Amino acid sequence: LPRGRVELAVGRDPRERKRMRATASRGRGALTTYEI
């Protein structure tokens, strides 16, 4: 898509503490928009 949005919560990955992960529910709400 030429432009769009990603609205997925971001939280700590329980298996790899240095990583974060995007989920539909767990973690803290997060929104990113993008344009090509």
Full PDB file with SEQRES, HELIX, SHEET, SSBOND, CRYST1, ORIGX, SCALE, CONECT and MASTER records, all heavy atoms in Angstrom:
SEQRES   1 A   36  LEU PRO ARG GLY ARG VAL GLU LEU ALA VAL GLY ARG ASP          
SEQRES   2 A   36  PRO ARG GLU ARG LYS ARG MET ARG ALA THR ALA SER ARG          
SEQRES   3 A   36  GLY ARG GLY ALA LEU THR THR TYR GLU ILE                      
SHEET    1 AA1 2 ARG A   3  GLU A   7  0                                        
SHEET    2 AA1 2 LEU A  31  GLU A  35 -1                                        
SHEET    1 AA2 2 ALA A   9  ARG A  12  0                                        
SHEET    2 AA2 2 MET A  20  THR A  23 -1                                        
CRYST1    1.000    1.000    1.000  90.00  90.00  90.00 P 1           1          
ORIGX1      1.000000  0.000000  0.000000        0.00000                         
ORIGX2      0.000000  1.000000  0.000000        0.00000                         
ORIGX3      0.000000  0.000000  1.000000        0.00000                         
SCALE1      1.000000  0.000000  0.000000        0.00000                         
SCALE2      0.000000  1.000000  0.000000        0.00000                         
SCALE3      0.000000  0.000000  1.000000        0.00000                         
ATOM      1  N   LEU A   1       0.826  -1.204   0.000  1.00  0.00           N  
ATOM      2  CA  LEU A   1       0.000   0.000   0.000  1.00  0.00           C  
ATOM      3  C   LEU A   1       0.863   1.259   0.000  1.00  0.00           C  
ATOM      4  O   LEU A   1       1.903   1.306   0.675  1.00  0.00           O  
ATOM      5  CB  LEU A   1      -0.916   0.012   1.220  1.00  0.00           C  
ATOM      6  CG  LEU A   1      -1.924  -1.142   1.315  1.00  0.00           C  
ATOM      7  CD1 LEU A   1      -2.686  -1.067   2.629  1.00  0.00           C  
ATOM      8  CD2 LEU A   1      -2.884  -1.108   0.127  1.00  0.00           C  
ATOM      9  N   PRO A   2       0.460   2.308  -0.702  1.00  0.00           N  
ATOM     10  CA  PRO A   2       1.249   3.541  -0.738  1.00  0.00           C  
ATOM     11  C   PRO A   2       1.336   4.236   0.621  1.00  0.00           C  
ATOM     12  O   PRO A   2       2.290   4.955   0.902  1.00  0.00           O  
ATOM     13  CB  PRO A   2       0.524   4.417  -1.757  1.00  0.00           C  
ATOM     14  CG  PRO A   2      -0.868   3.866  -1.820  1.00  0.00           C  
ATOM     15  CD  PRO A   2      -0.738   2.396  -1.572  1.00  0.00           C  
ATOM     16  N   ARG A   3       0.356   4.004   1.450  1.00  0.00           N  
ATOM     17  CA  ARG A   3       0.374   4.536   2.821  1.00  0.00           C  
ATOM     18  C   ARG A   3      -0.493   3.633   3.689  1.00  0.00           C  
ATOM     19  O   ARG A   3      -1.373   2.925   3.191  1.00  0.00           O  
ATOM     20  CB  ARG A   3      -0.125   5.977   2.865  1.00  0.00           C  
ATOM     21  CG  ARG A   3      -1.550   6.177   2.395  1.00  0.00           C  
ATOM     22  CD  ARG A   3      -1.911   7.650   2.363  1.00  0.00           C  
ATOM     23  NE  ARG A   3      -1.009   8.408   1.525  1.00  0.00           N  
ATOM     24  CZ  ARG A   3      -1.106   8.513   0.211  1.00  0.00           C  
ATOM     25  NH1 ARG A   3      -2.096   7.874  -0.432  1.00  0.00           N  
ATOM     26  NH2 ARG A   3      -0.251   9.219  -0.483  1.00  0.00           N  
ATOM     27  N   GLY A   4      -0.241   3.661   4.992  1.00  0.00           N  
ATOM     28  CA  GLY A   4      -1.024   2.805   5.875  1.00  0.00           C  
ATOM     29  C   GLY A   4      -0.678   3.035   7.332  1.00  0.00           C  
ATOM     30  O   GLY A   4       0.045   3.984   7.676  1.00  0.00           O  
ATOM     31  N   ARG A   5      -1.186   2.176   8.189  1.00  0.00           N  
ATOM     32  CA  ARG A   5      -0.963   2.300   9.624  1.00  0.00           C  
ATOM     33  C   ARG A   5      -0.811   0.919  10.244  1.00  0.00           C  
ATOM     34  O   ARG A   5      -1.403  -0.057   9.776  1.00  0.00           O  
ATOM     35  CB  ARG A   5      -2.105   3.066  10.296  1.00  0.00           C  
ATOM     36  CG  ARG A   5      -3.470   2.468  10.080  1.00  0.00           C  
ATOM     37  CD  ARG A   5      -4.568   3.417  10.525  1.00  0.00           C  
ATOM     38  NE  ARG A   5      -4.765   3.421  11.974  1.00  0.00           N  
ATOM     39  CZ  ARG A   5      -4.994   4.507  12.699  1.00  0.00           C  
ATOM     40  NH1 ARG A   5      -5.044   5.692  12.113  1.00  0.00           N  
ATOM     41  NH2 ARG A   5      -5.182   4.439  13.996  1.00  0.00           N  
ATOM     42  N   VAL A   6      -0.023   0.868  11.280  1.00  0.00           N  
ATOM     43  CA  VAL A   6       0.136  -0.344  12.078  1.00  0.00           C  
ATOM     44  C   VAL A   6      -0.252   0.027  13.500  1.00  0.00           C  
ATOM     45  O   VAL A   6       0.379   0.894  14.114  1.00  0.00           O  
ATOM     46  CB  VAL A   6       1.579  -0.881  12.053  1.00  0.00           C  
ATOM     47  CG1 VAL A   6       1.681  -2.178  12.857  1.00  0.00           C  
ATOM     48  CG2 VAL A   6       2.055  -1.107  10.624  1.00  0.00           C  
ATOM     49  N   GLU A   7      -1.303  -0.579  14.002  1.00  0.00           N  
ATOM     50  CA  GLU A   7      -1.774  -0.293  15.356  1.00  0.00           C  
ATOM     51  C   GLU A   7      -1.786  -1.594  16.139  1.00  0.00           C  
ATOM     52  O   GLU A   7      -2.785  -2.307  16.172  1.00  0.00           O  
ATOM     53  CB  GLU A   7      -3.152   0.357  15.325  1.00  0.00           C  
ATOM     54  CG  GLU A   7      -3.577   0.943  16.664  1.00  0.00           C  
ATOM     55  CD  GLU A   7      -4.755   1.893  16.547  1.00  0.00           C  
ATOM     56  OE1 GLU A   7      -5.333   1.986  15.445  1.00  0.00           O  
ATOM     57  OE2 GLU A   7      -5.091   2.539  17.551  1.00  0.00           O  
ATOM     58  N   LEU A   8      -0.645  -1.914  16.730  1.00  0.00           N  
ATOM     59  CA  LEU A   8      -0.472  -3.128  17.514  1.00  0.00           C  
ATOM     60  C   LEU A   8       0.270  -2.771  18.800  1.00  0.00           C  
ATOM     61  O   LEU A   8       1.244  -1.994  18.771  1.00  0.00           O  
ATOM     62  CB  LEU A   8       0.332  -4.184  16.748  1.00  0.00           C  
ATOM     63  CG  LEU A   8      -0.357  -4.867  15.559  1.00  0.00           C  
ATOM     64  CD1 LEU A   8       0.652  -5.690  14.778  1.00  0.00           C  
ATOM     65  CD2 LEU A   8      -1.503  -5.743  16.050  1.00  0.00           C  
ATOM     66  N   ALA A   9      -0.170  -3.338  19.908  1.00  0.00           N  
ATOM     67  CA  ALA A   9       0.512  -3.103  21.181  1.00  0.00           C  
ATOM     68  C   ALA A   9       1.943  -3.632  21.107  1.00  0.00           C  
ATOM     69  O   ALA A   9       2.235  -4.591  20.392  1.00  0.00           O  
ATOM     70  CB  ALA A   9      -0.246  -3.786  22.310  1.00  0.00           C  
ATOM     71  N   VAL A  10       2.832  -2.986  21.841  1.00  0.00           N  
ATOM     72  CA  VAL A  10       4.230  -3.398  21.884  1.00  0.00           C  
ATOM     73  C   VAL A  10       4.584  -3.748  23.326  1.00  0.00           C  
ATOM     74  O   VAL A  10       4.342  -2.954  24.242  1.00  0.00           O  
ATOM     75  CB  VAL A  10       5.159  -2.284  21.363  1.00  0.00           C  
ATOM     76  CG1 VAL A  10       6.622  -2.670  21.571  1.00  0.00           C  
ATOM     77  CG2 VAL A  10       4.887  -2.018  19.886  1.00  0.00           C  
ATOM     78  N   GLY A  11       5.122  -4.940  23.522  1.00  0.00           N  
ATOM     79  CA  GLY A  11       5.496  -5.389  24.866  1.00  0.00           C  
ATOM     80  C   GLY A  11       6.782  -6.189  24.827  1.00  0.00           C  
ATOM     81  O   GLY A  11       7.275  -6.558  23.757  1.00  0.00           O  
ATOM     82  N   ARG A  12       7.335  -6.463  25.986  1.00  0.00           N  
ATOM     83  CA  ARG A  12       8.573  -7.213  26.102  1.00  0.00           C  
ATOM     84  C   ARG A  12       8.353  -8.662  25.685  1.00  0.00           C  
ATOM     85  O   ARG A  12       7.369  -9.289  26.039  1.00  0.00           O  
ATOM     86  CB  ARG A  12       9.071  -7.170  27.549  1.00  0.00           C  
ATOM     87  CG  ARG A  12      10.425  -7.788  27.806  1.00  0.00           C  
ATOM     88  CD  ARG A  12      11.550  -6.960  27.286  1.00  0.00           C  
ATOM     89  NE  ARG A  12      11.583  -5.612  27.847  1.00  0.00           N  
ATOM     90  CZ  ARG A  12      12.485  -4.698  27.490  1.00  0.00           C  
ATOM     91  NH1 ARG A  12      13.388  -4.974  26.553  1.00  0.00           N  
ATOM     92  NH2 ARG A  12      12.457  -3.501  28.029  1.00  0.00           N  
ATOM     93  N   ASP A  13       9.269  -9.199  24.897  1.00  0.00           N  
ATOM     94  CA  ASP A  13       9.213 -10.607  24.508  1.00  0.00           C  
ATOM     95  C   ASP A  13       9.570 -11.449  25.730  1.00  0.00           C  
ATOM     96  O   ASP A  13      10.659 -11.298  26.289  1.00  0.00           O  
ATOM     97  CB  ASP A  13      10.214 -10.870  23.371  1.00  0.00           C  
ATOM     98  CG  ASP A  13      10.064 -12.255  22.772  1.00  0.00           C  
ATOM     99  OD1 ASP A  13       9.869 -13.221  23.538  1.00  0.00           O  
ATOM    100  OD2 ASP A  13      10.155 -12.387  21.540  1.00  0.00           O  
ATOM    101  N   PRO A  14       8.674 -12.335  26.184  1.00  0.00           N  
ATOM    102  CA  PRO A  14       8.947 -13.097  27.402  1.00  0.00           C  
ATOM    103  C   PRO A  14      10.099 -14.083  27.272  1.00  0.00           C  
ATOM    104  O   PRO A  14      10.675 -14.516  28.282  1.00  0.00           O  
ATOM    105  CB  PRO A  14       7.618 -13.834  27.655  1.00  0.00           C  
ATOM    106  CG  PRO A  14       6.977 -13.920  26.313  1.00  0.00           C  
ATOM    107  CD  PRO A  14       7.368 -12.661  25.601  1.00  0.00           C  
ATOM    108  N   ARG A  15      10.443 -14.439  26.058  1.00  0.00           N  
ATOM    109  CA  ARG A  15      11.525 -15.419  25.858  1.00  0.00           C  
ATOM    110  C   ARG A  15      12.875 -14.761  25.637  1.00  0.00           C  
ATOM    111  O   ARG A  15      13.906 -15.318  26.006  1.00  0.00           O  
ATOM    112  CB  ARG A  15      11.185 -16.311  24.655  1.00  0.00           C  
ATOM    113  CG  ARG A  15       9.938 -17.162  24.876  1.00  0.00           C  
ATOM    114  CD  ARG A  15       9.657 -18.021  23.663  1.00  0.00           C  
ATOM    115  NE  ARG A  15       8.459 -18.841  23.862  1.00  0.00           N  
ATOM    116  CZ  ARG A  15       7.952 -19.651  22.945  1.00  0.00           C  
ATOM    117  NH1 ARG A  15       8.542 -19.740  21.750  1.00  0.00           N  
ATOM    118  NH2 ARG A  15       6.863 -20.351  23.198  1.00  0.00           N  
ATOM    119  N   GLU A  16      12.884 -13.582  25.022  1.00  0.00           N  
ATOM    120  CA  GLU A  16      14.129 -12.862  24.767  1.00  0.00           C  
ATOM    121  C   GLU A  16      13.964 -11.441  25.275  1.00  0.00           C  
ATOM    122  O   GLU A  16      13.340 -10.609  24.618  1.00  0.00           O  
ATOM    123  CB  GLU A  16      14.468 -12.861  23.279  1.00  0.00           C  
ATOM    124  CG  GLU A  16      14.711 -14.240  22.689  1.00  0.00           C  
ATOM    125  CD  GLU A  16      15.110 -14.174  21.232  1.00  0.00           C  
ATOM    126  OE1 GLU A  16      16.071 -13.446  20.918  1.00  0.00           O  
ATOM    127  OE2 GLU A  16      14.449 -14.827  20.405  1.00  0.00           O  
ATOM    128  N   ARG A  17      14.526 -11.156  26.448  1.00  0.00           N  
ATOM    129  CA  ARG A  17      14.259  -9.903  27.140  1.00  0.00           C  
ATOM    130  C   ARG A  17      14.815  -8.680  26.424  1.00  0.00           C  
ATOM    131  O   ARG A  17      14.387  -7.561  26.691  1.00  0.00           O  
ATOM    132  CB  ARG A  17      14.848  -9.956  28.560  1.00  0.00           C  
ATOM    133  CG  ARG A  17      14.264 -11.077  29.415  1.00  0.00           C  
ATOM    134  CD  ARG A  17      12.761 -10.942  29.582  1.00  0.00           C  
ATOM    135  NE  ARG A  17      12.381  -9.767  30.348  1.00  0.00           N  
ATOM    136  CZ  ARG A  17      11.141  -9.326  30.464  1.00  0.00           C  
ATOM    137  NH1 ARG A  17      10.155  -9.947  29.837  1.00  0.00           N  
ATOM    138  NH2 ARG A  17      10.874  -8.259  31.184  1.00  0.00           N  
ATOM    139  N   LYS A  18      15.748  -8.868  25.490  1.00  0.00           N  
ATOM    140  CA  LYS A  18      16.284  -7.728  24.758  1.00  0.00           C  
ATOM    141  C   LYS A  18      15.390  -7.332  23.592  1.00  0.00           C  
ATOM    142  O   LYS A  18      15.603  -6.303  22.971  1.00  0.00           O  
ATOM    143  CB  LYS A  18      17.690  -8.042  24.245  1.00  0.00           C  
ATOM    144  CG  LYS A  18      18.736  -8.160  25.348  1.00  0.00           C  
ATOM    145  CD  LYS A  18      20.117  -8.372  24.752  1.00  0.00           C  
ATOM    146  CE  LYS A  18      21.166  -8.440  25.857  1.00  0.00           C  
ATOM    147  NZ  LYS A  18      22.533  -8.624  25.292  1.00  0.00           N  
ATOM    148  N   ARG A  19      14.404  -8.176  23.302  1.00  0.00           N  
ATOM    149  CA  ARG A  19      13.513  -7.923  22.178  1.00  0.00           C  
ATOM    150  C   ARG A  19      12.143  -7.456  22.655  1.00  0.00           C  
ATOM    151  O   ARG A  19      11.705  -7.782  23.753  1.00  0.00           O  
ATOM    152  CB  ARG A  19      13.308  -9.207  21.351  1.00  0.00           C  
ATOM    153  CG  ARG A  19      14.489  -9.650  20.550  1.00  0.00           C  
ATOM    154  CD  ARG A  19      14.246 -11.044  19.982  1.00  0.00           C  
ATOM    155  NE  ARG A  19      12.992 -11.141  19.258  1.00  0.00           N  
ATOM    156  CZ  ARG A  19      12.867 -11.048  17.944  1.00  0.00           C  
ATOM    157  NH1 ARG A  19      13.940 -10.865  17.200  1.00  0.00           N  
ATOM    158  NH2 ARG A  19      11.693 -11.146  17.356  1.00  0.00           N  
ATOM    159  N   MET A  20      11.474  -6.707  21.805  1.00  0.00           N  
ATOM    160  CA  MET A  20      10.079  -6.373  22.015  1.00  0.00           C  
ATOM    161  C   MET A  20       9.276  -7.137  20.972  1.00  0.00           C  
ATOM    162  O   MET A  20       9.837  -7.668  20.005  1.00  0.00           O  
ATOM    163  CB  MET A  20       9.860  -4.862  21.868  1.00  0.00           C  
ATOM    164  CG  MET A  20      10.774  -3.996  22.713  1.00  0.00           C  
ATOM    165  SD  MET A  20      10.590  -4.257  24.495  1.00  0.00           S  
ATOM    166  CE  MET A  20       9.021  -3.414  24.769  1.00  0.00           C  
ATOM    167  N   ARG A  21       7.963  -7.189  21.153  1.00  0.00           N  
ATOM    168  CA  ARG A  21       7.137  -7.842  20.146  1.00  0.00           C  
ATOM    169  C   ARG A  21       5.802  -7.118  20.032  1.00  0.00           C  
ATOM    170  O   ARG A  21       5.335  -6.488  20.977  1.00  0.00           O  
ATOM    171  CB  ARG A  21       6.922  -9.315  20.476  1.00  0.00           C  
ATOM    172  CG  ARG A  21       6.088  -9.572  21.716  1.00  0.00           C  
ATOM    173  CD  ARG A  21       5.826 -11.058  21.882  1.00  0.00           C  
ATOM    174  NE  ARG A  21       4.956 -11.320  23.021  1.00  0.00           N  
ATOM    175  CZ  ARG A  21       4.491 -12.525  23.317  1.00  0.00           C  
ATOM    176  NH1 ARG A  21       4.825 -13.568  22.581  1.00  0.00           N  
ATOM    177  NH2 ARG A  21       3.704 -12.691  24.365  1.00  0.00           N  
ATOM    178  N   ALA A  22       5.214  -7.221  18.847  1.00  0.00           N  
ATOM    179  CA  ALA A  22       3.916  -6.595  18.590  1.00  0.00           C  
ATOM    180  C   ALA A  22       2.824  -7.628  18.759  1.00  0.00           C  
ATOM    181  O   ALA A  22       2.940  -8.754  18.272  1.00  0.00           O  
ATOM    182  CB  ALA A  22       3.879  -6.021  17.174  1.00  0.00           C  
ATOM    183  N   THR A  23       1.761  -7.250  19.467  1.00  0.00           N  
ATOM    184  CA  THR A  23       0.637  -8.151  19.699  1.00  0.00           C  
ATOM    185  C   THR A  23      -0.654  -7.374  19.529  1.00  0.00           C  
ATOM    186  O   THR A  23      -0.668  -6.147  19.509  1.00  0.00           O  
ATOM    187  CB  THR A  23       0.676  -8.751  21.120  1.00  0.00           C  
ATOM    188  OG1 THR A  23       0.469  -7.695  22.070  1.00  0.00           O  
ATOM    189  CG2 THR A  23       1.998  -9.439  21.408  1.00  0.00           C  
ATOM    190  N   ALA A  24      -1.739  -8.090  19.420  1.00  0.00           N  
ATOM    191  CA  ALA A  24      -3.034  -7.434  19.273  1.00  0.00           C  
ATOM    192  C   ALA A  24      -3.582  -6.941  20.607  1.00  0.00           C  
ATOM    193  O   ALA A  24      -4.449  -6.071  20.644  1.00  0.00           O  
ATOM    194  CB  ALA A  24      -4.026  -8.388  18.619  1.00  0.00           C  
ATOM    195  N   SER A  25      -3.096  -7.509  21.721  1.00  0.00           N  
ATOM    196  CA  SER A  25      -3.702  -7.169  23.004  1.00  0.00           C  
ATOM    197  C   SER A  25      -2.693  -6.877  24.110  1.00  0.00           C  
ATOM    198  O   SER A  25      -2.820  -5.888  24.819  1.00  0.00           O  
ATOM    199  CB  SER A  25      -4.630  -8.311  23.456  1.00  0.00           C  
ATOM    200  OG  SER A  25      -3.913  -9.528  23.523  1.00  0.00           O  
ATOM    201  N   ARG A  26      -1.672  -7.721  24.275  1.00  0.00           N  
ATOM    202  CA  ARG A  26      -0.734  -7.540  25.383  1.00  0.00           C  
ATOM    203  C   ARG A  26       0.246  -6.413  25.079  1.00  0.00           C  
ATOM    204  O   ARG A  26       0.486  -6.061  23.950  1.00  0.00           O  
ATOM    205  CB  ARG A  26       0.022  -8.840  25.671  1.00  0.00           C  
ATOM    206  CG  ARG A  26      -0.912  -9.999  26.043  1.00  0.00           C  
ATOM    207  CD  ARG A  26      -0.114 -11.255  26.311  1.00  0.00           C  
ATOM    208  NE  ARG A  26       0.754 -11.098  27.466  1.00  0.00           N  
ATOM    209  CZ  ARG A  26       0.373 -11.272  28.727  1.00  0.00           C  
ATOM    210  NH1 ARG A  26      -0.884 -11.597  28.992  1.00  0.00           N  
ATOM    211  NH2 ARG A  26       1.222 -11.134  29.723  1.00  0.00           N  
ATOM    212  N   GLY A  27       0.828  -5.840  26.147  1.00  0.00           N  
ATOM    213  CA  GLY A  27       1.751  -4.734  25.964  1.00  0.00           C  
ATOM    214  C   GLY A  27       1.027  -3.398  26.001  1.00  0.00           C  
ATOM    215  O   GLY A  27      -0.125  -3.299  26.409  1.00  0.00           O  
ATOM    216  N   ARG A  28       1.718  -2.360  25.557  1.00  0.00           N  
ATOM    217  CA  ARG A  28       1.173  -1.007  25.578  1.00  0.00           C  
ATOM    218  C   ARG A  28       0.775  -0.599  24.167  1.00  0.00           C  
ATOM    219  O   ARG A  28       1.476  -0.879  23.202  1.00  0.00           O  
ATOM    220  CB  ARG A  28       2.213  -0.039  26.142  1.00  0.00           C  
ATOM    221  CG  ARG A  28       2.605  -0.346  27.586  1.00  0.00           C  
ATOM    222  CD  ARG A  28       3.764   0.519  28.023  1.00  0.00           C  
ATOM    223  NE  ARG A  28       3.404   1.936  27.995  1.00  0.00           N  
ATOM    224  CZ  ARG A  28       4.301   2.916  28.103  1.00  0.00           C  
ATOM    225  NH1 ARG A  28       5.588   2.632  28.222  1.00  0.00           N  
ATOM    226  NH2 ARG A  28       3.905   4.175  28.087  1.00  0.00           N  
ATOM    227  N   GLY A  29      -0.372   0.077  24.065  1.00  0.00           N  
ATOM    228  CA  GLY A  29      -0.869   0.493  22.770  1.00  0.00           C  
ATOM    229  C   GLY A  29       0.156   1.296  21.983  1.00  0.00           C  
ATOM    230  O   GLY A  29       0.869   2.131  22.548  1.00  0.00           O  
ATOM    231  N   ALA A  30       0.237   1.036  20.686  1.00  0.00           N  
ATOM    232  CA  ALA A  30       1.219   1.723  19.849  1.00  0.00           C  
ATOM    233  C   ALA A  30       0.658   1.911  18.449  1.00  0.00           C  
ATOM    234  O   ALA A  30      -0.001   1.015  17.910  1.00  0.00           O  
ATOM    235  CB  ALA A  30       2.520   0.936  19.796  1.00  0.00           C  
ATOM    236  N   LEU A  31       0.936   3.070  17.855  1.00  0.00           N  
ATOM    237  CA  LEU A  31       0.443   3.392  16.515  1.00  0.00           C  
ATOM    238  C   LEU A  31       1.568   3.986  15.677  1.00  0.00           C  
ATOM    239  O   LEU A  31       2.251   4.917  16.103  1.00  0.00           O  
ATOM    240  CB  LEU A  31      -0.715   4.395  16.591  1.00  0.00           C  
ATOM    241  CG  LEU A  31      -1.174   5.009  15.264  1.00  0.00           C  
ATOM    242  CD1 LEU A  31      -1.723   3.942  14.320  1.00  0.00           C  
ATOM    243  CD2 LEU A  31      -2.213   6.097  15.512  1.00  0.00           C  
ATOM    244  N   THR A  32       1.739   3.429  14.490  1.00  0.00           N  
ATOM    245  CA  THR A  32       2.698   3.937  13.522  1.00  0.00           C  
ATOM    246  C   THR A  32       1.975   4.139  12.195  1.00  0.00           C  
ATOM    247  O   THR A  32       1.206   3.272  11.775  1.00  0.00           O  
ATOM    248  CB  THR A  32       3.858   2.940  13.307  1.00  0.00           C  
ATOM    249  OG1 THR A  32       4.558   2.743  14.531  1.00  0.00           O  
ATOM    250  CG2 THR A  32       4.827   3.454  12.247  1.00  0.00           C  
ATOM    251  N   THR A  33       2.201   5.271  11.546  1.00  0.00           N  
ATOM    252  CA  THR A  33       1.705   5.459  10.181  1.00  0.00           C  
ATOM    253  C   THR A  33       2.911   5.544   9.250  1.00  0.00           C  
ATOM    254  O   THR A  33       4.010   5.929   9.663  1.00  0.00           O  
ATOM    255  CB  THR A  33       0.836   6.724  10.044  1.00  0.00           C  
ATOM    256  OG1 THR A  33       1.590   7.863  10.476  1.00  0.00           O  
ATOM    257  CG2 THR A  33      -0.423   6.599  10.877  1.00  0.00           C  
ATOM    258  N   TYR A  34       2.681   5.172   7.986  1.00  0.00           N  
ATOM    259  CA  TYR A  34       3.788   5.175   7.031  1.00  0.00           C  
ATOM    260  C   TYR A  34       3.307   5.624   5.665  1.00  0.00           C  
ATOM    261  O   TYR A  34       2.127   5.547   5.342  1.00  0.00           O  
ATOM    262  CB  TYR A  34       4.437   3.790   6.938  1.00  0.00           C  
ATOM    263  CG  TYR A  34       3.548   2.729   6.332  1.00  0.00           C  
ATOM    264  CD1 TYR A  34       3.495   2.538   4.947  1.00  0.00           C  
ATOM    265  CD2 TYR A  34       2.752   1.916   7.141  1.00  0.00           C  
ATOM    266  CE1 TYR A  34       2.670   1.573   4.389  1.00  0.00           C  
ATOM    267  CE2 TYR A  34       1.927   0.950   6.586  1.00  0.00           C  
ATOM    268  CZ  TYR A  34       1.902   0.775   5.213  1.00  0.00           C  
ATOM    269  OH  TYR A  34       1.075  -0.169   4.665  1.00  0.00           O  
ATOM    270  N   GLU A  35       4.256   6.077   4.856  1.00  0.00           N  
ATOM    271  CA  GLU A  35       3.978   6.468   3.484  1.00  0.00           C  
ATOM    272  C   GLU A  35       5.190   6.120   2.629  1.00  0.00           C  
ATOM    273  O   GLU A  35       6.342   6.360   3.039  1.00  0.00           O  
ATOM    274  CB  GLU A  35       3.690   7.958   3.402  1.00  0.00           C  
ATOM    275  CG  GLU A  35       3.303   8.436   2.009  1.00  0.00           C  
ATOM    276  CD  GLU A  35       2.800   9.866   2.001  1.00  0.00           C  
ATOM    277  OE1 GLU A  35       2.551  10.410   3.101  1.00  0.00           O  
ATOM    278  OE2 GLU A  35       2.666  10.430   0.905  1.00  0.00           O  
ATOM    279  N   ILE A  36       4.939   5.537   1.464  1.00  0.00           N  
ATOM    280  CA  ILE A  36       6.039   5.162   0.579  1.00  0.00           C  
ATOM    281  C   ILE A  36       6.639   6.412  -0.054  1.00  0.00           C  
ATOM    282  O   ILE A  36       5.931   7.267  -0.586  1.00  0.00           O  
ATOM    283  CB  ILE A  36       5.564   4.188  -0.509  1.00  0.00           C  
ATOM    284  CG1 ILE A  36       5.211   2.832   0.118  1.00  0.00           C  
ATOM    285  CG2 ILE A  36       6.634   4.006  -1.586  1.00  0.00           C  
ATOM    286  CD1 ILE A  36       4.674   1.812  -0.862  1.00  0.00           C  
TER     287      ILE A  36                                                      
MASTER        0    0    0    0    4    0    0    6  286    1    0    3          
END                                                                             
